[in-house]
Amino acid sequence: MNPAAHSAACPPTLPQAERYLSPAQQAAAAAAAAAEEERQRRAAADDAFSRALKSMMGGTLVRAVDEMADLAQARPAWMNGNTQVCTLPVVLCVPL
């Protein structure tokens, strides 16, 4: 085999070895990993989107059918009146 062709096909790499950690360094790395896991757990529990959803809509994105009916019935009396006697701003507010 041609050595020049072989060296072009396989680029030389440096051997990789695991770094030695003293017991104190291992303990510090384990403590740092545990602290990071705890931070991620707290961040997941304190999700702003879920808190806002629970606060505004009780945790669901779908309204109950009864609520929609209640909203339709909760119409002010002036909206059901005769639009011929209403002022122009009121007429513009009344849906047809």
PDB file of N, CA and C in Angstrom:
ATOM      1  N   MET A   1       0.848  -1.185   0.000  1.00  0.00           N
ATOM      2  CA  MET A   1       0.000   0.000   0.000  1.00  0.00           C
ATOM      3  C   MET A   1       0.889   1.242   0.000  1.00  0.00           C
ATOM      4  N   ASN A   2       0.444   2.225  -0.720  1.00  0.00           N
ATOM      5  CA  ASN A   2       1.193   3.467  -0.840  1.00  0.00           C
ATOM      6  C   ASN A   2       1.030   4.276   0.455  1.00  0.00           C
ATOM      7  N   PRO A   3       2.108   4.617   1.170  1.00  0.00           N
ATOM      8  CA  PRO A   3       1.989   5.369   2.422  1.00  0.00           C
ATOM      9  C   PRO A   3       1.393   6.752   2.236  1.00  0.00           C
ATOM     10  N   ALA A   4       1.625   7.387   1.109  1.00  0.00           N
ATOM     11  CA  ALA A   4       1.077   8.728   0.872  1.00  0.00           C
ATOM     12  C   ALA A   4      -0.435   8.662   0.725  1.00  0.00           C
ATOM     13  N   ALA A   5      -0.941   7.659   0.040  1.00  0.00           N
ATOM     14  CA  ALA A   5      -2.392   7.504  -0.126  1.00  0.00           C
ATOM     15  C   ALA A   5      -3.049   7.166   1.204  1.00  0.00           C
ATOM     16  N   HIS A   6      -2.362   6.348   1.997  1.00  0.00           N
ATOM     17  CA  HIS A   6      -2.912   5.953   3.293  1.00  0.00           C
ATOM     18  C   HIS A   6      -3.014   7.168   4.227  1.00  0.00           C
ATOM     19  N   SER A   7      -2.002   8.021   4.235  1.00  0.00           N
ATOM     20  CA  SER A   7      -2.017   9.175   5.133  1.00  0.00           C
ATOM     21  C   SER A   7      -3.060  10.208   4.690  1.00  0.00           C
ATOM     22  N   ALA A   8      -3.350  10.254   3.392  1.00  0.00           N
ATOM     23  CA  ALA A   8      -4.360  11.198   2.924  1.00  0.00           C
ATOM     24  C   ALA A   8      -5.758  10.704   3.268  1.00  0.00           C
ATOM     25  N   ALA A   9      -5.958   9.392   3.299  1.00  0.00           N
ATOM     26  CA  ALA A   9      -7.273   8.846   3.573  1.00  0.00           C
ATOM     27  C   ALA A   9      -7.598   8.875   5.058  1.00  0.00           C
ATOM     28  N   CYS A  10      -6.608   8.699   5.896  1.00  0.00           N
ATOM     29  CA  CYS A  10      -6.820   8.662   7.347  1.00  0.00           C
ATOM     30  C   CYS A  10      -6.023   9.776   7.999  1.00  0.00           C
ATOM     31  N   PRO A  11      -6.654  10.886   8.329  1.00  0.00           N
ATOM     32  CA  PRO A  11      -5.907  11.970   8.957  1.00  0.00           C
ATOM     33  C   PRO A  11      -5.436  11.540  10.343  1.00  0.00           C
ATOM     34  N   PRO A  12      -4.254  11.961  10.732  1.00  0.00           N
ATOM     35  CA  PRO A  12      -3.749  11.564  12.052  1.00  0.00           C
ATOM     36  C   PRO A  12      -4.556  12.245  13.155  1.00  0.00           C
ATOM     37  N   THR A  13      -4.831  11.497  14.200  1.00  0.00           N
ATOM     38  CA  THR A  13      -5.562  12.061  15.341  1.00  0.00           C
ATOM     39  C   THR A  13      -4.737  11.838  16.590  1.00  0.00           C
ATOM     40  N   LEU A  14      -4.932  12.685  17.538  1.00  0.00           N
ATOM     41  CA  LEU A  14      -4.225  12.535  18.794  1.00  0.00           C
ATOM     42  C   LEU A  14      -4.960  11.513  19.644  1.00  0.00           C
ATOM     43  N   PRO A  15      -4.230  10.711  20.357  1.00  0.00           N
ATOM     44  CA  PRO A  15      -4.905   9.738  21.224  1.00  0.00           C
ATOM     45  C   PRO A  15      -5.645  10.468  22.342  1.00  0.00           C
ATOM     46  N   GLN A  16      -6.811   9.968  22.669  1.00  0.00           N
ATOM     47  CA  GLN A  16      -7.631  10.573  23.717  1.00  0.00           C
ATOM     48  C   GLN A  16      -7.531   9.725  24.980  1.00  0.00           C
ATOM     49  N   ALA A  17      -7.368  10.362  26.090  1.00  0.00           N
ATOM     50  CA  ALA A  17      -7.293   9.660  27.375  1.00  0.00           C
ATOM     51  C   ALA A  17      -8.213  10.368  28.354  1.00  0.00           C
ATOM     52  N   GLU A  18      -8.748   9.598  29.269  1.00  0.00           N
ATOM     53  CA  GLU A  18      -9.607  10.179  30.291  1.00  0.00           C
ATOM     54  C   GLU A  18      -8.751  10.950  31.282  1.00  0.00           C
ATOM     55  N   ARG A  19      -9.226  12.095  31.686  1.00  0.00           N
ATOM     56  CA  ARG A  19      -8.471  12.918  32.623  1.00  0.00           C
ATOM     57  C   ARG A  19      -8.616  12.340  34.024  1.00  0.00           C
ATOM     58  N   TYR A  20      -7.539  12.302  34.753  1.00  0.00           N
ATOM     59  CA  TYR A  20      -7.579  11.793  36.122  1.00  0.00           C
ATOM     60  C   TYR A  20      -8.116  12.891  37.028  1.00  0.00           C
ATOM     61  N   LEU A  21      -9.070  12.519  37.859  1.00  0.00           N
ATOM     62  CA  LEU A  21      -9.616  13.440  38.849  1.00  0.00           C
ATOM     63  C   LEU A  21      -9.348  12.885  40.233  1.00  0.00           C
ATOM     64  N   SER A  22      -8.850  13.742  41.087  1.00  0.00           N
ATOM     65  CA  SER A  22      -8.619  13.322  42.466  1.00  0.00           C
ATOM     66  C   SER A  22      -9.968  13.128  43.149  1.00  0.00           C
ATOM     67  N   PRO A  23     -10.005  12.446  44.278  1.00  0.00           N
ATOM     68  CA  PRO A  23     -11.286  12.271  44.986  1.00  0.00           C
ATOM     69  C   PRO A  23     -11.960  13.611  45.330  1.00  0.00           C
ATOM     70  N   ALA A  24     -11.180  14.626  45.649  1.00  0.00           N
ATOM     71  CA  ALA A  24     -11.757  15.941  45.956  1.00  0.00           C
ATOM     72  C   ALA A  24     -12.385  16.551  44.698  1.00  0.00           C
ATOM     73  N   GLN A  25     -11.698  16.391  43.560  1.00  0.00           N
ATOM     74  CA  GLN A  25     -12.246  16.901  42.296  1.00  0.00           C
ATOM     75  C   GLN A  25     -13.501  16.127  41.885  1.00  0.00           C
ATOM     76  N   GLN A  26     -13.500  14.815  42.119  1.00  0.00           N
ATOM     77  CA  GLN A  26     -14.684  14.010  41.815  1.00  0.00           C
ATOM     78  C   GLN A  26     -15.865  14.443  42.665  1.00  0.00           C
ATOM     79  N   ALA A  27     -15.614  14.717  43.954  1.00  0.00           N
ATOM     80  CA  ALA A  27     -16.682  15.163  44.844  1.00  0.00           C
ATOM     81  C   ALA A  27     -17.211  16.529  44.411  1.00  0.00           C
ATOM     82  N   ALA A  28     -16.309  17.425  44.006  1.00  0.00           N
ATOM     83  CA  ALA A  28     -16.729  18.751  43.553  1.00  0.00           C
ATOM     84  C   ALA A  28     -17.542  18.651  42.261  1.00  0.00           C
ATOM     85  N   ALA A  29     -17.116  17.761  41.352  1.00  0.00           N
ATOM     86  CA  ALA A  29     -17.859  17.579  40.097  1.00  0.00           C
ATOM     87  C   ALA A  29     -19.239  16.982  40.370  1.00  0.00           C
ATOM     88  N   ALA A  30     -19.322  16.043  41.313  1.00  0.00           N
ATOM     89  CA  ALA A  30     -20.613  15.439  41.659  1.00  0.00           C
ATOM     90  C   ALA A  30     -21.530  16.479  42.300  1.00  0.00           C
ATOM     91  N   ALA A  31     -20.972  17.327  43.150  1.00  0.00           N
ATOM     92  CA  ALA A  31     -21.769  18.382  43.792  1.00  0.00           C
ATOM     93  C   ALA A  31     -22.266  19.381  42.749  1.00  0.00           C
ATOM     94  N   ALA A  32     -21.411  19.724  41.786  1.00  0.00           N
ATOM     95  CA  ALA A  32     -21.821  20.658  40.733  1.00  0.00           C
ATOM     96  C   ALA A  32     -22.910  20.044  39.867  1.00  0.00           C
ATOM     97  N   ALA A  33     -22.797  18.752  39.553  1.00  0.00           N
ATOM     98  CA  ALA A  33     -23.826  18.077  38.749  1.00  0.00           C
ATOM     99  C   ALA A  33     -25.146  18.015  39.511  1.00  0.00           C
ATOM    100  N   ALA A  34     -25.089  17.750  40.810  1.00  0.00           N
ATOM    101  CA  ALA A  34     -26.311  17.692  41.622  1.00  0.00           C
ATOM    102  C   ALA A  34     -26.962  19.078  41.705  1.00  0.00           C
ATOM    103  N   ALA A  35     -26.152  20.113  41.851  1.00  0.00           N
ATOM    104  CA  ALA A  35     -26.696  21.470  41.909  1.00  0.00           C
ATOM    105  C   ALA A  35     -27.347  21.842  40.579  1.00  0.00           C
ATOM    106  N   GLU A  36     -26.743  21.449  39.468  1.00  0.00           N
ATOM    107  CA  GLU A  36     -27.321  21.737  38.150  1.00  0.00           C
ATOM    108  C   GLU A  36     -28.639  20.995  37.958  1.00  0.00           C
ATOM    109  N   GLU A  37     -28.697  19.734  38.385  1.00  0.00           N
ATOM    110  CA  GLU A  37     -29.948  18.974  38.294  1.00  0.00           C
ATOM    111  C   GLU A  37     -31.042  19.615  39.137  1.00  0.00           C
ATOM    112  N   GLU A  38     -30.684  20.071  40.327  1.00  0.00           N
ATOM    113  CA  GLU A  38     -31.658  20.737  41.204  1.00  0.00           C
ATOM    114  C   GLU A  38     -32.151  22.040  40.573  1.00  0.00           C
ATOM    115  N   ARG A  39     -31.233  22.798  39.948  1.00  0.00           N
ATOM    116  CA  ARG A  39     -31.624  24.041  39.289  1.00  0.00           C
ATOM    117  C   ARG A  39     -32.576  23.758  38.134  1.00  0.00           C
ATOM    118  N   GLN A  40     -32.285  22.721  37.352  1.00  0.00           N
ATOM    119  CA  GLN A  40     -33.160  22.372  36.239  1.00  0.00           C
ATOM    120  C   GLN A  40     -34.523  21.883  36.728  1.00  0.00           C
ATOM    121  N   ARG A  41     -34.544  21.139  37.834  1.00  0.00           N
ATOM    122  CA  ARG A  41     -35.811  20.661  38.393  1.00  0.00           C
ATOM    123  C   ARG A  41     -36.663  21.843  38.866  1.00  0.00           C
ATOM    124  N   ARG A  42     -36.031  22.798  39.534  1.00  0.00           N
ATOM    125  CA  ARG A  42     -36.770  23.983  40.003  1.00  0.00           C
ATOM    126  C   ARG A  42     -37.268  24.823  38.831  1.00  0.00           C
ATOM    127  N   ALA A  43     -36.441  24.954  37.794  1.00  0.00           N
ATOM    128  CA  ALA A  43     -36.846  25.730  36.622  1.00  0.00           C
ATOM    129  C   ALA A  43     -38.027  25.064  35.919  1.00  0.00           C
ATOM    130  N   ALA A  44     -38.034  23.738  35.868  1.00  0.00           N
ATOM    131  CA  ALA A  44     -39.148  23.025  35.237  1.00  0.00           C
ATOM    132  C   ALA A  44     -40.414  23.161  36.070  1.00  0.00           C
ATOM    133  N   ALA A  45     -40.282  23.174  37.395  1.00  0.00           N
ATOM    134  CA  ALA A  45     -41.449  23.303  38.264  1.00  0.00           C
ATOM    135  C   ALA A  45     -41.997  24.724  38.241  1.00  0.00           C
ATOM    136  N   ASP A  46     -41.156  25.708  37.920  1.00  0.00           N
ATOM    137  CA  ASP A  46     -41.564  27.109  37.937  1.00  0.00           C
ATOM    138  C   ASP A  46     -41.740  27.613  36.508  1.00  0.00           C
ATOM    139  N   ASP A  47     -42.512  26.888  35.728  1.00  0.00           N
ATOM    140  CA  ASP A  47     -42.736  27.232  34.329  1.00  0.00           C
ATOM    141  C   ASP A  47     -43.727  28.392  34.239  1.00  0.00           C
ATOM    142  N   ALA A  48     -43.321  29.492  33.655  1.00  0.00           N
ATOM    143  CA  ALA A  48     -44.160  30.693  33.578  1.00  0.00           C
ATOM    144  C   ALA A  48     -45.407  30.438  32.744  1.00  0.00           C
ATOM    145  N   PHE A  49     -45.293  29.673  31.656  1.00  0.00           N
ATOM    146  CA  PHE A  49     -46.453  29.391  30.806  1.00  0.00           C
ATOM    147  C   PHE A  49     -47.518  28.629  31.588  1.00  0.00           C
ATOM    148  N   SER A  50     -47.117  27.573  32.326  1.00  0.00           N
ATOM    149  CA  SER A  50     -48.117  26.798  33.062  1.00  0.00           C
ATOM    150  C   SER A  50     -48.746  27.617  34.176  1.00  0.00           C
ATOM    151  N   ARG A  51     -47.934  28.446  34.849  1.00  0.00           N
ATOM    152  CA  ARG A  51     -48.502  29.285  35.918  1.00  0.00           C
ATOM    153  C   ARG A  51     -49.526  30.243  35.353  1.00  0.00           C
ATOM    154  N   ALA A  52     -49.211  30.869  34.213  1.00  0.00           N
ATOM    155  CA  ALA A  52     -50.146  31.819  33.615  1.00  0.00           C
ATOM    156  C   ALA A  52     -51.410  31.112  33.154  1.00  0.00           C
ATOM    157  N   LEU A  53     -51.275  29.931  32.588  1.00  0.00           N
ATOM    158  CA  LEU A  53     -52.444  29.181  32.138  1.00  0.00           C
ATOM    159  C   LEU A  53     -53.330  28.808  33.311  1.00  0.00           C
ATOM    160  N   LYS A  54     -52.747  28.366  34.408  1.00  0.00           N
ATOM    161  CA  LYS A  54     -53.531  28.016  35.593  1.00  0.00           C
ATOM    162  C   LYS A  54     -54.198  29.249  36.177  1.00  0.00           C
ATOM    163  N   SER A  55     -53.483  30.366  36.178  1.00  0.00           N
ATOM    164  CA  SER A  55     -54.019  31.585  36.755  1.00  0.00           C
ATOM    165  C   SER A  55     -55.172  32.146  35.935  1.00  0.00           C
ATOM    166  N   MET A  56     -55.024  32.149  34.613  1.00  0.00           N
ATOM    167  CA  MET A  56     -56.034  32.793  33.773  1.00  0.00           C
ATOM    168  C   MET A  56     -57.205  31.889  33.419  1.00  0.00           C
ATOM    169  N   MET A  57     -56.932  30.622  33.124  1.00  0.00           N
ATOM    170  CA  MET A  57     -57.991  29.778  32.593  1.00  0.00           C
ATOM    171  C   MET A  57     -58.166  28.480  33.371  1.00  0.00           C
ATOM    172  N   GLY A  58     -57.654  28.399  34.579  1.00  0.00           N
ATOM    173  CA  GLY A  58     -57.833  27.198  35.375  1.00  0.00           C
ATOM    174  C   GLY A  58     -57.044  26.006  34.857  1.00  0.00           C
ATOM    175  N   GLY A  59     -56.044  26.216  34.040  1.00  0.00           N
ATOM    176  CA  GLY A  59     -55.197  25.134  33.577  1.00  0.00           C
ATOM    177  C   GLY A  59     -55.605  24.510  32.262  1.00  0.00           C
ATOM    178  N   THR A  60     -56.673  24.989  31.641  1.00  0.00           N
ATOM    179  CA  THR A  60     -57.079  24.427  30.351  1.00  0.00           C
ATOM    180  C   THR A  60     -57.210  25.532  29.325  1.00  0.00           C
ATOM    181  N   LEU A  61     -57.011  25.192  28.064  1.00  0.00           N
ATOM    182  CA  LEU A  61     -57.148  26.179  27.001  1.00  0.00           C
ATOM    183  C   LEU A  61     -58.554  26.172  26.403  1.00  0.00           C
ATOM    184  N   VAL A  62     -59.419  25.297  26.872  1.00  0.00           N
ATOM    185  CA  VAL A  62     -60.765  25.175  26.313  1.00  0.00           C
ATOM    186  C   VAL A  62     -61.760  25.675  27.347  1.00  0.00           C
ATOM    187  N   ARG A  63     -62.681  26.508  26.916  1.00  0.00           N
ATOM    188  CA  ARG A  63     -63.723  26.984  27.822  1.00  0.00           C
ATOM    189  C   ARG A  63     -64.862  25.980  27.867  1.00  0.00           C
ATOM    190  N   ALA A  64     -65.542  25.965  28.985  1.00  0.00           N
ATOM    191  CA  ALA A  64     -66.717  25.114  29.105  1.00  0.00           C
ATOM    192  C   ALA A  64     -67.832  25.695  28.245  1.00  0.00           C
ATOM    193  N   VAL A  65     -68.703  24.857  27.722  1.00  0.00           N
ATOM    194  CA  VAL A  65     -69.796  25.305  26.861  1.00  0.00           C
ATOM    195  C   VAL A  65     -70.734  26.215  27.645  1.00  0.00           C
ATOM    196  N   ASP A  66     -70.934  25.937  28.910  1.00  0.00           N
ATOM    197  CA  ASP A  66     -71.827  26.762  29.733  1.00  0.00           C
ATOM    198  C   ASP A  66     -71.302  28.191  29.839  1.00  0.00           C
ATOM    199  N   GLU A  67     -69.995  28.353  29.929  1.00  0.00           N
ATOM    200  CA  GLU A  67     -69.426  29.700  30.012  1.00  0.00           C
ATOM    201  C   GLU A  67     -69.735  30.502  28.764  1.00  0.00           C
ATOM    202  N   MET A  68     -69.676  29.876  27.599  1.00  0.00           N
ATOM    203  CA  MET A  68     -69.967  30.585  26.352  1.00  0.00           C
ATOM    204  C   MET A  68     -71.427  31.024  26.321  1.00  0.00           C
ATOM    205  N   ALA A  69     -72.326  30.173  26.797  1.00  0.00           N
ATOM    206  CA  ALA A  69     -73.737  30.545  26.838  1.00  0.00           C
ATOM    207  C   ALA A  69     -73.949  31.692  27.816  1.00  0.00           C
ATOM    208  N   ASP A  70     -73.270  31.655  28.950  1.00  0.00           N
ATOM    209  CA  ASP A  70     -73.398  32.735  29.927  1.00  0.00           C
ATOM    210  C   ASP A  70     -72.884  34.053  29.360  1.00  0.00           C
ATOM    211  N   LEU A  71     -71.806  33.997  28.605  1.00  0.00           N
ATOM    212  CA  LEU A  71     -71.274  35.221  28.006  1.00  0.00           C
ATOM    213  C   LEU A  71     -72.251  35.800  26.981  1.00  0.00           C
ATOM    214  N   ALA A  72     -72.922  34.948  26.238  1.00  0.00           N
ATOM    215  CA  ALA A  72     -73.883  35.420  25.244  1.00  0.00           C
ATOM    216  C   ALA A  72     -75.114  36.021  25.912  1.00  0.00           C
ATOM    217  N   GLN A  73     -75.519  35.492  27.060  1.00  0.00           N
ATOM    218  CA  GLN A  73     -76.701  36.007  27.751  1.00  0.00           C
ATOM    219  C   GLN A  73     -76.394  37.259  28.555  1.00  0.00           C
ATOM    220  N   ALA A  74     -75.164  37.476  28.922  1.00  0.00           N
ATOM    221  CA  ALA A  74     -74.791  38.633  29.727  1.00  0.00           C
ATOM    222  C   ALA A  74     -74.635  39.852  28.828  1.00  0.00           C
ATOM    223  N   ARG A  75     -75.695  40.255  28.196  1.00  0.00           N
ATOM    224  CA  ARG A  75     -75.685  41.387  27.278  1.00  0.00           C
ATOM    225  C   ARG A  75     -76.422  42.550  27.936  1.00  0.00           C
ATOM    226  N   PRO A  76     -75.879  43.743  27.923  1.00  0.00           N
ATOM    227  CA  PRO A  76     -76.560  44.876  28.560  1.00  0.00           C
ATOM    228  C   PRO A  76     -77.917  45.151  27.895  1.00  0.00           C
ATOM    229  N   ALA A  77     -78.831  45.709  28.668  1.00  0.00           N
ATOM    230  CA  ALA A  77     -80.198  45.949  28.185  1.00  0.00           C
ATOM    231  C   ALA A  77     -80.216  46.940  27.015  1.00  0.00           C
ATOM    232  N   TRP A  78     -79.316  47.916  27.028  1.00  0.00           N
ATOM    233  CA  TRP A  78     -79.351  48.916  25.953  1.00  0.00           C
ATOM    234  C   TRP A  78     -79.000  48.308  24.605  1.00  0.00           C
ATOM    235  N   MET A  79     -78.317  47.155  24.607  1.00  0.00           N
ATOM    236  CA  MET A  79     -77.978  46.515  23.347  1.00  0.00           C
ATOM    237  C   MET A  79     -79.195  45.847  22.707  1.00  0.00           C
ATOM    238  N   ASN A  80     -80.204  45.555  23.508  1.00  0.00           N
ATOM    239  CA  ASN A  80     -81.408  44.907  22.983  1.00  0.00           C
ATOM    240  C   ASN A  80     -82.505  45.923  22.646  1.00  0.00           C
ATOM    241  N   GLY A  81     -82.234  47.195  22.888  1.00  0.00           N
ATOM    242  CA  GLY A  81     -83.246  48.225  22.668  1.00  0.00           C
ATOM    243  C   GLY A  81     -83.417  48.594  21.203  1.00  0.00           C
ATOM    244  N   ASN A  82     -84.273  49.588  20.978  1.00  0.00           N
ATOM    245  CA  ASN A  82     -84.567  50.089  19.643  1.00  0.00           C
ATOM    246  C   ASN A  82     -83.403  50.957  19.178  1.00  0.00           C
ATOM    247  N   THR A  83     -82.766  50.605  18.104  1.00  0.00           N
ATOM    248  CA  THR A  83     -81.617  51.358  17.630  1.00  0.00           C
ATOM    249  C   THR A  83     -82.030  52.671  16.957  1.00  0.00           C
ATOM    250  N   GLN A  84     -83.302  52.861  16.671  1.00  0.00           N
ATOM    251  CA  GLN A  84     -83.768  54.104  16.050  1.00  0.00           C
ATOM    252  C   GLN A  84     -83.680  55.284  17.019  1.00  0.00           C
ATOM    253  N   VAL A  85     -83.795  55.004  18.319  1.00  0.00           N
ATOM    254  CA  VAL A  85     -83.767  56.086  19.300  1.00  0.00           C
ATOM    255  C   VAL A  85     -82.392  56.234  19.961  1.00  0.00           C
ATOM    256  N   CYS A  86     -81.440  55.444  19.576  1.00  0.00           N
ATOM    257  CA  CYS A  86     -80.104  55.492  20.172  1.00  0.00           C
ATOM    258  C   CYS A  86     -79.265  56.584  19.504  1.00  0.00           C
ATOM    259  N   THR A  87     -78.273  57.022  20.234  1.00  0.00           N
ATOM    260  CA  THR A  87     -77.340  57.993  19.664  1.00  0.00           C
ATOM    261  C   THR A  87     -76.393  57.273  18.704  1.00  0.00           C
ATOM    262  N   LEU A  88     -75.716  58.033  17.877  1.00  0.00           N
ATOM    263  CA  LEU A  88     -74.828  57.443  16.881  1.00  0.00           C
ATOM    264  C   LEU A  88     -73.714  56.597  17.500  1.00  0.00           C
ATOM    265  N   PRO A  89     -73.034  57.055  18.560  1.00  0.00           N
ATOM    266  CA  PRO A  89     -71.994  56.182  19.144  1.00  0.00           C
ATOM    267  C   PRO A  89     -72.552  54.854  19.655  1.00  0.00           C
ATOM    268  N   VAL A  90     -73.768  54.872  20.210  1.00  0.00           N
ATOM    269  CA  VAL A  90     -74.368  53.648  20.708  1.00  0.00           C
ATOM    270  C   VAL A  90     -74.732  52.729  19.546  1.00  0.00           C
ATOM    271  N   VAL A  91     -75.245  53.296  18.462  1.00  0.00           N
ATOM    272  CA  VAL A  91     -75.616  52.493  17.290  1.00  0.00           C
ATOM    273  C   VAL A  91     -74.380  51.825  16.705  1.00  0.00           C
ATOM    274  N   LEU A  92     -73.272  52.534  16.709  1.00  0.00           N
ATOM    275  CA  LEU A  92     -72.057  51.952  16.152  1.00  0.00           C
ATOM    276  C   LEU A  92     -71.521  50.826  17.026  1.00  0.00           C
ATOM    277  N   CYS A  93     -71.854  50.809  18.313  1.00  0.00           N
ATOM    278  CA  CYS A  93     -71.383  49.762  19.232  1.00  0.00           C
ATOM    279  C   CYS A  93     -72.264  48.517  19.167  1.00  0.00           C
ATOM    280  N   VAL A  94     -73.518  48.646  18.741  1.00  0.00           N
ATOM    281  CA  VAL A  94     -74.449  47.522  18.769  1.00  0.00           C
ATOM    282  C   VAL A  94     -74.166  46.605  17.587  1.00  0.00           C
ATOM    283  N   PRO A  95     -73.880  45.325  17.853  1.00  0.00           N
ATOM    284  CA  PRO A  95     -73.680  44.394  16.741  1.00  0.00           C
ATOM    285  C   PRO A  95     -75.017  44.059  16.089  1.00  0.00           C
ATOM    286  N   LEU A  96     -75.010  43.918  14.787  1.00  0.00           N
ATOM    287  CA  LEU A  96     -76.258  43.614  14.080  1.00  0.00           C
ATOM    288  C   LEU A  96     -76.537  42.152  14.049  1.00  0.00           C
TER     289      LEU A  96
END
